Amino acid sequence: MRRSMLFLPGNTPNIIVNGEILGADSVILDLEDAVAPSEKDSARILVRNAIKMMGFGKCEVIVRINGLDSDYWQQDLNCVIPARPQIIMLPKTACAEDVRTVDRYLSVLEEKYGMEEGSVGLMPLIETAMGVENAFLIASASSRVKGIFLGGEDLTADLRCKRTREGREILYARTRLVCAARAAGVEVYDTPFTDVNDDDGLYQDAQYAKALGFTGKASISPRHVKGINEVFSPPVKDIDYAYEVMNAIREAKAMGKGAVALRGKMIDAPIVMRAQQVIEQAKALGLGREEA
């Protein structure tokens, strides 16, 4: 379960070495924006060796490569794929063909290194107007796609608008990506909240993203990880209610009842679906329990 994804610059060994203890569900080892052109080669080697030697424990490893418009993306993949990261993040994904291009190249590398085809997942980073408009096609372009991710900073630059604390300028993009991801059957992740000193703003932004339907949220600071995890974890009261719903459904079936009520409210299919989703999240976090 990816509630939080923490960006770590690929050229900072003192930060990467602490990656697995910073509390994030996933770390994103960044070879793109965080790394100057003169440091690309050394960053690749550092990231590859870190994945091989450290493993990062239970923390999922995502590597953000450079974009297809650069001269670096194939070199990035050539270097890091032998270390077997779980997911490759593709920045500035604008169309389905971008995904398929990387998909094909990954297949070549998986065969070369004796890996099962499709073992490396893809997470397209959508941060342009074109990418937003093509969100469903991107999300459904390959079985490798595990989720799509909104990049708010580059998107607002492309839209020629100012990035604000409230985020009204990216509301359309947020809702478009959520709908596209759910229609394609993949997860969807929200852009980082960039003011590392604004804890209240972080909580509000994360809660808003969750209310829109996002699976989780990225962060550029370890300081934000705890808040993101808290917001995207189901509250105990929601877990309790979800189990009550499922128990009521089972009891009604056992008694041959067609209609089910709980706490004075009829239980319909959407309520059952939401209860199942909460229970799945709880189990993924080790908060599940035996059902009656």
C-alpha atoms as a PDB file:
ATOM      1  CA  MET A   1       0.000   0.000   0.000  1.00  0.00           C
ATOM      2  CA  ARG A   2       1.447   3.329  -1.069  1.00  0.00           C
ATOM      3  CA  ARG A   3       0.168   6.071   1.189  1.00  0.00           C
ATOM      4  CA  SER A   4       3.370   8.098   1.031  1.00  0.00           C
ATOM      5  CA  MET A   5       6.124   8.314  -1.569  1.00  0.00           C
ATOM      6  CA  LEU A   6       9.244  10.263  -0.614  1.00  0.00           C
ATOM      7  CA  PHE A   7      11.557  11.818  -3.204  1.00  0.00           C
ATOM      8  CA  LEU A   8      15.269  11.358  -2.466  1.00  0.00           C
ATOM      9  CA  PRO A   9      17.872  13.017  -4.728  1.00  0.00           C
ATOM     10  CA  GLY A  10      19.878  10.354  -6.505  1.00  0.00           C
ATOM     11  CA  ASN A  11      23.183  12.125  -5.877  1.00  0.00           C
ATOM     12  CA  THR A  12      22.947  12.373  -2.058  1.00  0.00           C
ATOM     13  CA  PRO A  13      24.349   9.238  -0.395  1.00  0.00           C
ATOM     14  CA  ASN A  14      23.898  10.660   3.124  1.00  0.00           C
ATOM     15  CA  ILE A  15      20.140  10.944   2.484  1.00  0.00           C
ATOM     16  CA  ILE A  16      19.653   7.739   0.498  1.00  0.00           C
ATOM     17  CA  VAL A  17      21.316   5.644   3.190  1.00  0.00           C
ATOM     18  CA  ASN A  18      18.503   6.606   5.580  1.00  0.00           C
ATOM     19  CA  GLY A  19      15.736   5.973   3.045  1.00  0.00           C
ATOM     20  CA  GLU A  20      14.162   2.932   4.671  1.00  0.00           C
ATOM     21  CA  ILE A  21      13.855   4.519   8.123  1.00  0.00           C
ATOM     22  CA  LEU A  22      12.138   7.764   7.086  1.00  0.00           C
ATOM     23  CA  GLY A  23       8.677   6.228   7.329  1.00  0.00           C
ATOM     24  CA  ALA A  24       7.526   6.387   3.712  1.00  0.00           C
ATOM     25  CA  ASP A  25       5.858   3.414   2.057  1.00  0.00           C
ATOM     26  CA  SER A  26       7.926   4.080  -1.078  1.00  0.00           C
ATOM     27  CA  VAL A  27      11.090   6.009  -1.828  1.00  0.00           C
ATOM     28  CA  ILE A  28      11.587   7.670  -5.194  1.00  0.00           C
ATOM     29  CA  LEU A  29      15.282   7.758  -6.037  1.00  0.00           C
ATOM     30  CA  ASP A  30      15.438  10.722  -8.367  1.00  0.00           C
ATOM     31  CA  LEU A  31      17.737  10.823 -11.389  1.00  0.00           C
ATOM     32  CA  GLU A  32      15.892  13.690 -13.081  1.00  0.00           C
ATOM     33  CA  ASP A  33      15.263  17.162 -11.629  1.00  0.00           C
ATOM     34  CA  ALA A  34      17.373  16.710  -8.494  1.00  0.00           C
ATOM     35  CA  VAL A  35      20.526  15.820 -10.460  1.00  0.00           C
ATOM     36  CA  ALA A  36      22.599  18.224 -12.544  1.00  0.00           C
ATOM     37  CA  PRO A  37      23.738  17.002 -16.007  1.00  0.00           C
ATOM     38  CA  SER A  38      27.347  16.812 -14.802  1.00  0.00           C
ATOM     39  CA  GLU A  39      26.305  14.397 -12.030  1.00  0.00           C
ATOM     40  CA  LYS A  40      24.010  12.056 -13.977  1.00  0.00           C
ATOM     41  CA  ASP A  41      26.566   9.270 -14.367  1.00  0.00           C
ATOM     42  CA  SER A  42      27.602   9.219 -10.718  1.00  0.00           C
ATOM     43  CA  ALA A  43      23.965   9.412  -9.556  1.00  0.00           C
ATOM     44  CA  ARG A  44      23.029   6.377 -11.642  1.00  0.00           C
ATOM     45  CA  ILE A  45      25.834   4.358 -10.121  1.00  0.00           C
ATOM     46  CA  LEU A  46      24.950   5.499  -6.614  1.00  0.00           C
ATOM     47  CA  VAL A  47      21.275   4.599  -7.068  1.00  0.00           C
ATOM     48  CA  ARG A  48      22.095   1.223  -8.602  1.00  0.00           C
ATOM     49  CA  ASN A  49      24.494   0.322  -5.803  1.00  0.00           C
ATOM     50  CA  ALA A  50      22.118   1.559  -3.120  1.00  0.00           C
ATOM     51  CA  ILE A  51      19.338  -0.692  -4.403  1.00  0.00           C
ATOM     52  CA  LYS A  52      21.680  -3.665  -4.644  1.00  0.00           C
ATOM     53  CA  MET A  53      23.391  -3.247  -1.293  1.00  0.00           C
ATOM     54  CA  MET A  54      20.674  -1.762   0.906  1.00  0.00           C
ATOM     55  CA  GLY A  55      17.457  -3.310  -0.343  1.00  0.00           C
ATOM     56  CA  PHE A  56      15.490  -0.635   1.604  1.00  0.00           C
ATOM     57  CA  GLY A  57      13.712  -3.242   3.749  1.00  0.00           C
ATOM     58  CA  LYS A  58       9.932  -3.131   3.382  1.00  0.00           C
ATOM     59  CA  CYS A  59      10.124   0.218   1.616  1.00  0.00           C
ATOM     60  CA  GLU A  60       9.242   0.015  -2.078  1.00  0.00           C
ATOM     61  CA  VAL A  61      11.897   1.376  -4.446  1.00  0.00           C
ATOM     62  CA  ILE A  62      10.867   3.624  -7.323  1.00  0.00           C
ATOM     63  CA  VAL A  63      13.427   5.218  -9.638  1.00  0.00           C
ATOM     64  CA  ARG A  64      12.531   8.398 -11.483  1.00  0.00           C
ATOM     65  CA  ILE A  65      14.466   8.350 -14.725  1.00  0.00           C
ATOM     66  CA  ASN A  66      15.005  11.258 -17.075  1.00  0.00           C
ATOM     67  CA  GLY A  67      12.355  12.039 -19.659  1.00  0.00           C
ATOM     68  CA  LEU A  68      12.115  10.698 -23.176  1.00  0.00           C
ATOM     69  CA  ASP A  69      13.020  14.154 -24.474  1.00  0.00           C
ATOM     70  CA  SER A  70      16.485  13.796 -22.914  1.00  0.00           C
ATOM     71  CA  ASP A  71      19.617  11.874 -23.871  1.00  0.00           C
ATOM     72  CA  TYR A  72      19.675  10.107 -20.509  1.00  0.00           C
ATOM     73  CA  TRP A  73      16.653   7.838 -20.117  1.00  0.00           C
ATOM     74  CA  GLN A  74      18.110   4.745 -21.792  1.00  0.00           C
ATOM     75  CA  GLN A  75      21.363   5.138 -19.859  1.00  0.00           C
ATOM     76  CA  ASP A  76      19.322   5.395 -16.662  1.00  0.00           C
ATOM     77  CA  LEU A  77      17.504   2.149 -17.396  1.00  0.00           C
ATOM     78  CA  ASN A  78      20.625   0.339 -18.560  1.00  0.00           C
ATOM     79  CA  CYS A  79      22.274   1.129 -15.250  1.00  0.00           C
ATOM     80  CA  VAL A  80      19.472   0.616 -12.698  1.00  0.00           C
ATOM     81  CA  ILE A  81      17.401  -2.264 -14.092  1.00  0.00           C
ATOM     82  CA  PRO A  82      20.012  -4.938 -13.183  1.00  0.00           C
ATOM     83  CA  ALA A  83      19.488  -3.839  -9.556  1.00  0.00           C
ATOM     84  CA  ARG A  84      15.780  -4.675  -9.948  1.00  0.00           C
ATOM     85  CA  PRO A  85      13.836  -1.665  -8.677  1.00  0.00           C
ATOM     86  CA  GLN A  86      10.124  -2.351  -8.320  1.00  0.00           C
ATOM     87  CA  ILE A  87       8.933   0.618 -10.358  1.00  0.00           C
ATOM     88  CA  ILE A  88      10.246   3.103 -12.895  1.00  0.00           C
ATOM     89  CA  MET A  89       8.722   6.582 -12.817  1.00  0.00           C
ATOM     90  CA  LEU A  90       8.559   8.259 -16.224  1.00  0.00           C
ATOM     91  CA  PRO A  91       8.456  12.075 -16.003  1.00  0.00           C
ATOM     92  CA  LYS A  92       6.471  14.319 -18.332  1.00  0.00           C
ATOM     93  CA  THR A  93       4.472  11.437 -19.750  1.00  0.00           C
ATOM     94  CA  ALA A  94       2.363  13.051 -22.452  1.00  0.00           C
ATOM     95  CA  CYS A  95       0.764  10.144 -24.324  1.00  0.00           C
ATOM     96  CA  ALA A  96       0.282   6.388 -24.388  1.00  0.00           C
ATOM     97  CA  GLU A  97       3.164   5.940 -26.816  1.00  0.00           C
ATOM     98  CA  ASP A  98       5.566   7.338 -24.198  1.00  0.00           C
ATOM     99  CA  VAL A  99       4.542   4.488 -21.910  1.00  0.00           C
ATOM    100  CA  ARG A 100       4.797   1.884 -24.650  1.00  0.00           C
ATOM    101  CA  THR A 101       8.268   3.112 -25.640  1.00  0.00           C
ATOM    102  CA  VAL A 102       9.605   2.528 -22.132  1.00  0.00           C
ATOM    103  CA  ASP A 103       7.617  -0.717 -21.842  1.00  0.00           C
ATOM    104  CA  ARG A 104       9.357  -2.127 -24.920  1.00  0.00           C
ATOM    105  CA  TYR A 105      12.791  -1.101 -23.705  1.00  0.00           C
ATOM    106  CA  LEU A 106      12.159  -2.627 -20.285  1.00  0.00           C
ATOM    107  CA  SER A 107      11.190  -5.907 -21.944  1.00  0.00           C
ATOM    108  CA  VAL A 108      14.534  -5.978 -23.758  1.00  0.00           C
ATOM    109  CA  LEU A 109      16.432  -5.356 -20.529  1.00  0.00           C
ATOM    110  CA  GLU A 110      14.409  -7.913 -18.556  1.00  0.00           C
ATOM    111  CA  GLU A 111      15.242 -10.566 -21.133  1.00  0.00           C
ATOM    112  CA  LYS A 112      18.895  -9.540 -21.130  1.00  0.00           C
ATOM    113  CA  TYR A 113      19.199  -9.868 -17.356  1.00  0.00           C
ATOM    114  CA  GLY A 114      17.104 -13.016 -16.953  1.00  0.00           C
ATOM    115  CA  MET A 115      14.176 -11.243 -15.319  1.00  0.00           C
ATOM    116  CA  GLU A 116      10.542 -12.200 -15.723  1.00  0.00           C
ATOM    117  CA  GLU A 117       8.907 -10.045 -18.364  1.00  0.00           C
ATOM    118  CA  GLY A 118       6.774  -7.349 -16.804  1.00  0.00           C
ATOM    119  CA  SER A 119       8.439  -7.656 -13.406  1.00  0.00           C
ATOM    120  CA  VAL A 120       9.346  -3.948 -13.386  1.00  0.00           C
ATOM    121  CA  GLY A 121       6.312  -1.696 -13.050  1.00  0.00           C
ATOM    122  CA  LEU A 122       5.756   1.768 -14.496  1.00  0.00           C
ATOM    123  CA  MET A 123       4.368   4.904 -12.893  1.00  0.00           C
ATOM    124  CA  PRO A 124       3.794   7.676 -15.437  1.00  0.00           C
ATOM    125  CA  LEU A 125       4.277  11.151 -13.998  1.00  0.00           C
ATOM    126  CA  ILE A 126       1.720  13.439 -15.623  1.00  0.00           C
ATOM    127  CA  GLU A 127       2.821  17.068 -15.476  1.00  0.00           C
ATOM    128  CA  THR A 128       1.752  18.702 -18.726  1.00  0.00           C
ATOM    129  CA  ALA A 129      -1.575  19.797 -20.173  1.00  0.00           C
ATOM    130  CA  MET A 130      -1.234  17.165 -22.889  1.00  0.00           C
ATOM    131  CA  GLY A 131      -0.611  14.486 -20.291  1.00  0.00           C
ATOM    132  CA  VAL A 132      -3.696  15.482 -18.318  1.00  0.00           C
ATOM    133  CA  GLU A 133      -5.887  15.319 -21.411  1.00  0.00           C
ATOM    134  CA  ASN A 134      -4.435  11.876 -22.279  1.00  0.00           C
ATOM    135  CA  ALA A 135      -4.605  10.552 -18.715  1.00  0.00           C
ATOM    136  CA  PHE A 136      -6.833   7.541 -19.397  1.00  0.00           C
ATOM    137  CA  LEU A 137      -4.865   6.489 -22.475  1.00  0.00           C
ATOM    138  CA  ILE A 138      -1.661   6.731 -20.420  1.00  0.00           C
ATOM    139  CA  ALA A 139      -3.097   4.817 -17.475  1.00  0.00           C
ATOM    140  CA  SER A 140      -4.309   1.998 -19.724  1.00  0.00           C
ATOM    141  CA  ALA A 141      -1.346   1.889 -22.122  1.00  0.00           C
ATOM    142  CA  SER A 142       0.439  -1.073 -20.517  1.00  0.00           C
ATOM    143  CA  SER A 143      -0.090  -3.766 -17.914  1.00  0.00           C
ATOM    144  CA  ARG A 144       3.105  -2.453 -16.311  1.00  0.00           C
ATOM    145  CA  VAL A 145       1.326   0.733 -15.188  1.00  0.00           C
ATOM    146  CA  LYS A 146       0.697   0.452 -11.438  1.00  0.00           C
ATOM    147  CA  GLY A 147      -0.509   3.987 -10.978  1.00  0.00           C
ATOM    148  CA  ILE A 148      -0.370   7.498 -12.377  1.00  0.00           C
ATOM    149  CA  PHE A 149       1.048  10.460 -10.522  1.00  0.00           C
ATOM    150  CA  LEU A 150       0.266  14.175 -10.812  1.00  0.00           C
ATOM    151  CA  GLY A 151       3.151  16.641 -10.941  1.00  0.00           C
ATOM    152  CA  GLY A 152       1.701  20.001  -9.938  1.00  0.00           C
ATOM    153  CA  GLU A 153       4.736  22.254 -10.267  1.00  0.00           C
ATOM    154  CA  ASP A 154       5.577  21.516 -13.892  1.00  0.00           C
ATOM    155  CA  LEU A 155       1.900  21.385 -14.766  1.00  0.00           C
ATOM    156  CA  THR A 156       1.196  24.896 -13.519  1.00  0.00           C
ATOM    157  CA  ALA A 157       4.221  26.155 -15.436  1.00  0.00           C
ATOM    158  CA  ASP A 158       2.803  24.519 -18.554  1.00  0.00           C
ATOM    159  CA  LEU A 159      -0.618  26.023 -17.821  1.00  0.00           C
ATOM    160  CA  ARG A 160       0.992  29.459 -17.277  1.00  0.00           C
ATOM    161  CA  CYS A 161      -0.587  29.906 -13.881  1.00  0.00           C
ATOM    162  CA  LYS A 162       0.697  30.344 -10.346  1.00  0.00           C
ATOM    163  CA  ARG A 163       0.922  27.391  -7.954  1.00  0.00           C
ATOM    164  CA  THR A 164      -0.976  28.262  -4.785  1.00  0.00           C
ATOM    165  CA  ARG A 165      -1.402  26.821  -1.318  1.00  0.00           C
ATOM    166  CA  GLU A 166      -5.105  26.182  -1.927  1.00  0.00           C
ATOM    167  CA  GLY A 167      -4.495  24.367  -5.230  1.00  0.00           C
ATOM    168  CA  ARG A 168      -7.597  25.551  -7.069  1.00  0.00           C
ATOM    169  CA  GLU A 169      -5.522  25.875 -10.232  1.00  0.00           C
ATOM    170  CA  ILE A 170      -4.939  22.095 -10.374  1.00  0.00           C
ATOM    171  CA  LEU A 171      -8.421  20.937  -9.339  1.00  0.00           C
ATOM    172  CA  TYR A 172      -9.379  19.958 -12.885  1.00  0.00           C
ATOM    173  CA  ALA A 173      -6.153  17.995 -13.327  1.00  0.00           C
ATOM    174  CA  ARG A 174      -6.634  16.233  -9.993  1.00  0.00           C
ATOM    175  CA  THR A 175     -10.170  15.116 -10.741  1.00  0.00           C
ATOM    176  CA  ARG A 176      -9.277  14.171 -14.324  1.00  0.00           C
ATOM    177  CA  LEU A 177      -6.454  11.919 -13.130  1.00  0.00           C
ATOM    178  CA  VAL A 178      -8.567  10.276 -10.437  1.00  0.00           C
ATOM    179  CA  CYS A 179     -11.310   9.442 -12.941  1.00  0.00           C
ATOM    180  CA  ALA A 180      -8.784   8.208 -15.516  1.00  0.00           C
ATOM    181  CA  ALA A 181      -6.966   5.988 -13.042  1.00  0.00           C
ATOM    182  CA  ARG A 182     -10.127   4.443 -11.616  1.00  0.00           C
ATOM    183  CA  ALA A 183     -11.496   3.816 -15.113  1.00  0.00           C
ATOM    184  CA  ALA A 184      -8.222   2.088 -16.037  1.00  0.00           C
ATOM    185  CA  GLY A 185      -8.120   0.082 -12.808  1.00  0.00           C
ATOM    186  CA  VAL A 186      -4.876   1.552 -11.463  1.00  0.00           C
ATOM    187  CA  GLU A 187      -3.949   3.696  -8.475  1.00  0.00           C
ATOM    188  CA  VAL A 188      -3.459   7.474  -8.485  1.00  0.00           C
ATOM    189  CA  TYR A 189      -1.097   9.657  -6.474  1.00  0.00           C
ATOM    190  CA  ASP A 190      -1.151  13.340  -5.650  1.00  0.00           C
ATOM    191  CA  THR A 191       1.522  15.966  -6.158  1.00  0.00           C
ATOM    192  CA  PRO A 192       3.767  16.991  -3.229  1.00  0.00           C
ATOM    193  CA  PHE A 193       2.889  19.912  -0.993  1.00  0.00           C
ATOM    194  CA  THR A 194       6.007  21.996  -1.419  1.00  0.00           C
ATOM    195  CA  ASP A 195       6.083  24.225   1.687  1.00  0.00           C
ATOM    196  CA  VAL A 196       8.041  22.003   4.059  1.00  0.00           C
ATOM    197  CA  ASN A 197       7.402  24.313   7.031  1.00  0.00           C
ATOM    198  CA  ASP A 198       3.621  24.473   6.671  1.00  0.00           C
ATOM    199  CA  ASP A 199       2.335  21.446   8.584  1.00  0.00           C
ATOM    200  CA  ASP A 200      -1.288  22.663   8.640  1.00  0.00           C
ATOM    201  CA  GLY A 201      -1.191  23.225   4.905  1.00  0.00           C
ATOM    202  CA  LEU A 202       0.178  19.732   4.359  1.00  0.00           C
ATOM    203  CA  TYR A 203      -2.637  18.124   6.358  1.00  0.00           C
ATOM    204  CA  GLN A 204      -5.299  20.164   4.567  1.00  0.00           C
ATOM    205  CA  ASP A 205      -3.838  19.378   1.151  1.00  0.00           C
ATOM    206  CA  ALA A 206      -3.547  15.658   1.910  1.00  0.00           C
ATOM    207  CA  GLN A 207      -7.094  15.488   3.288  1.00  0.00           C
ATOM    208  CA  TYR A 208      -8.401  17.262   0.195  1.00  0.00           C
ATOM    209  CA  ALA A 209      -6.546  14.851  -2.094  1.00  0.00           C
ATOM    210  CA  LYS A 210      -7.946  11.869  -0.208  1.00  0.00           C
ATOM    211  CA  ALA A 211     -11.461  13.308  -0.445  1.00  0.00           C
ATOM    212  CA  LEU A 212     -11.035  13.547  -4.238  1.00  0.00           C
ATOM    213  CA  GLY A 213     -10.127   9.851  -4.434  1.00  0.00           C
ATOM    214  CA  PHE A 214      -6.321   9.778  -4.503  1.00  0.00           C
ATOM    215  CA  THR A 215      -4.651   6.630  -3.198  1.00  0.00           C
ATOM    216  CA  GLY A 216      -1.725   8.469  -1.629  1.00  0.00           C
ATOM    217  CA  LYS A 217       0.546  11.465  -1.907  1.00  0.00           C
ATOM    218  CA  ALA A 218       4.180  12.203  -2.648  1.00  0.00           C
ATOM    219  CA  SER A 219       6.498  14.309  -0.518  1.00  0.00           C
ATOM    220  CA  ILE A 220       9.756  16.139  -1.043  1.00  0.00           C
ATOM    221  CA  SER A 221      10.480  16.247   2.699  1.00  0.00           C
ATOM    222  CA  PRO A 222      10.663  13.501   5.346  1.00  0.00           C
ATOM    223  CA  ARG A 223       8.867  15.954   7.617  1.00  0.00           C
ATOM    224  CA  HIS A 224       5.643  15.448   5.665  1.00  0.00           C
ATOM    225  CA  VAL A 225       5.665  11.649   5.617  1.00  0.00           C
ATOM    226  CA  LYS A 226       4.000  11.140   9.006  1.00  0.00           C
ATOM    227  CA  GLY A 227       1.111  13.466   8.159  1.00  0.00           C
ATOM    228  CA  ILE A 228       0.531  11.846   4.783  1.00  0.00           C
ATOM    229  CA  ASN A 229       0.534   8.359   6.299  1.00  0.00           C
ATOM    230  CA  GLU A 230      -1.929   9.471   8.948  1.00  0.00           C
ATOM    231  CA  VAL A 231      -4.342  11.031   6.456  1.00  0.00           C
ATOM    232  CA  PHE A 232      -4.270   8.103   4.037  1.00  0.00           C
ATOM    233  CA  SER A 233      -4.678   5.429   6.729  1.00  0.00           C
ATOM    234  CA  PRO A 234      -8.271   4.450   7.542  1.00  0.00           C
ATOM    235  CA  PRO A 235      -9.387   5.724  10.983  1.00  0.00           C
ATOM    236  CA  VAL A 236     -10.273   3.105  13.595  1.00  0.00           C
ATOM    237  CA  LYS A 237     -13.925   4.190  13.522  1.00  0.00           C
ATOM    238  CA  ASP A 238     -14.060   3.586   9.762  1.00  0.00           C
ATOM    239  CA  ILE A 239     -12.473   0.158  10.169  1.00  0.00           C
ATOM    240  CA  ASP A 240     -14.963  -0.753  12.921  1.00  0.00           C
ATOM    241  CA  TYR A 241     -17.893   0.358  10.775  1.00  0.00           C
ATOM    242  CA  ALA A 242     -16.595  -1.562   7.746  1.00  0.00           C
ATOM    243  CA  TYR A 243     -16.513  -4.787   9.732  1.00  0.00           C
ATOM    244  CA  GLU A 244     -20.002  -4.060  11.079  1.00  0.00           C
ATOM    245  CA  VAL A 245     -21.255  -3.684   7.512  1.00  0.00           C
ATOM    246  CA  MET A 246     -19.749  -6.971   6.363  1.00  0.00           C
ATOM    247  CA  ASN A 247     -21.023  -8.804   9.450  1.00  0.00           C
ATOM    248  CA  ALA A 248     -24.522  -7.417   8.874  1.00  0.00           C
ATOM    249  CA  ILE A 249     -24.429  -8.583   5.257  1.00  0.00           C
ATOM    250  CA  ARG A 250     -23.382 -12.110   6.280  1.00  0.00           C
ATOM    251  CA  GLU A 251     -26.053 -12.325   8.988  1.00  0.00           C
ATOM    252  CA  ALA A 252     -28.740 -11.140   6.581  1.00  0.00           C
ATOM    253  CA  LYS A 253     -27.736 -13.749   3.987  1.00  0.00           C
ATOM    254  CA  ALA A 254     -27.775 -16.480   6.637  1.00  0.00           C
ATOM    255  CA  MET A 255     -31.319 -15.461   7.594  1.00  0.00           C
ATOM    256  CA  GLY A 256     -32.449 -15.209   3.993  1.00  0.00           C
ATOM    257  CA  LYS A 257     -33.072 -11.477   4.138  1.00  0.00           C
ATOM    258  CA  GLY A 258     -32.855  -9.421   0.975  1.00  0.00           C
ATOM    259  CA  ALA A 259     -32.690  -5.997   2.625  1.00  0.00           C
ATOM    260  CA  VAL A 260     -30.133  -5.078   5.278  1.00  0.00           C
ATOM    261  CA  ALA A 261     -30.151  -2.142   7.692  1.00  0.00           C
ATOM    262  CA  LEU A 262     -27.411  -0.973  10.034  1.00  0.00           C
ATOM    263  CA  ARG A 263     -27.740   1.888  12.512  1.00  0.00           C
ATOM    264  CA  GLY A 264     -31.056   2.794  10.931  1.00  0.00           C
ATOM    265  CA  LYS A 265     -29.640   3.063   7.401  1.00  0.00           C
ATOM    266  CA  MET A 266     -30.093   0.681   4.509  1.00  0.00           C
ATOM    267  CA  ILE A 267     -26.878  -0.937   3.326  1.00  0.00           C
ATOM    268  CA  ASP A 268     -26.594  -0.768  -0.448  1.00  0.00           C
ATOM    269  CA  ALA A 269     -23.896  -1.928  -2.865  1.00  0.00           C
ATOM    270  CA  PRO A 270     -21.764   1.266  -2.717  1.00  0.00           C
ATOM    271  CA  ILE A 271     -21.623   1.061   1.093  1.00  0.00           C
ATOM    272  CA  VAL A 272     -20.515  -2.562   0.892  1.00  0.00           C
ATOM    273  CA  MET A 273     -17.886  -1.682  -1.711  1.00  0.00           C
ATOM    274  CA  ARG A 274     -16.485   1.102   0.469  1.00  0.00           C
ATOM    275  CA  ALA A 275     -16.447  -1.238   3.483  1.00  0.00           C
ATOM    276  CA  GLN A 276     -14.486  -3.814   1.509  1.00  0.00           C
ATOM    277  CA  GLN A 277     -11.991  -1.160   0.427  1.00  0.00           C
ATOM    278  CA  VAL A 278     -11.463  -0.003   4.027  1.00  0.00           C
ATOM    279  CA  ILE A 279     -10.929  -3.586   5.210  1.00  0.00           C
ATOM    280  CA  GLU A 280      -8.403  -4.210   2.431  1.00  0.00           C
ATOM    281  CA  GLN A 281      -6.511  -1.061   3.455  1.00  0.00           C
ATOM    282  CA  ALA A 282      -6.609  -2.084   7.111  1.00  0.00           C
ATOM    283  CA  LYS A 283      -5.240  -5.535   6.323  1.00  0.00           C
ATOM    284  CA  ALA A 284      -2.476  -4.054   4.182  1.00  0.00           C
ATOM    285  CA  LEU A 285      -1.432  -1.940   7.174  1.00  0.00           C
ATOM    286  CA  GLY A 286      -1.646  -4.824   9.645  1.00  0.00           C
ATOM    287  CA  LEU A 287      -4.812  -3.422  11.219  1.00  0.00           C
ATOM    288  CA  GLY A 288      -7.152  -6.176  10.053  1.00  0.00           C
ATOM    289  CA  ARG A 289      -8.976  -8.538  12.346  1.00  0.00           C
ATOM    290  CA  GLU A 290     -10.825 -11.831  12.330  1.00  0.00           C
ATOM    291  CA  GLU A 291     -14.275 -11.528  10.853  1.00  0.00           C
ATOM    292  CA  ALA A 292     -17.203 -13.059  12.691  1.00  0.00           C
END
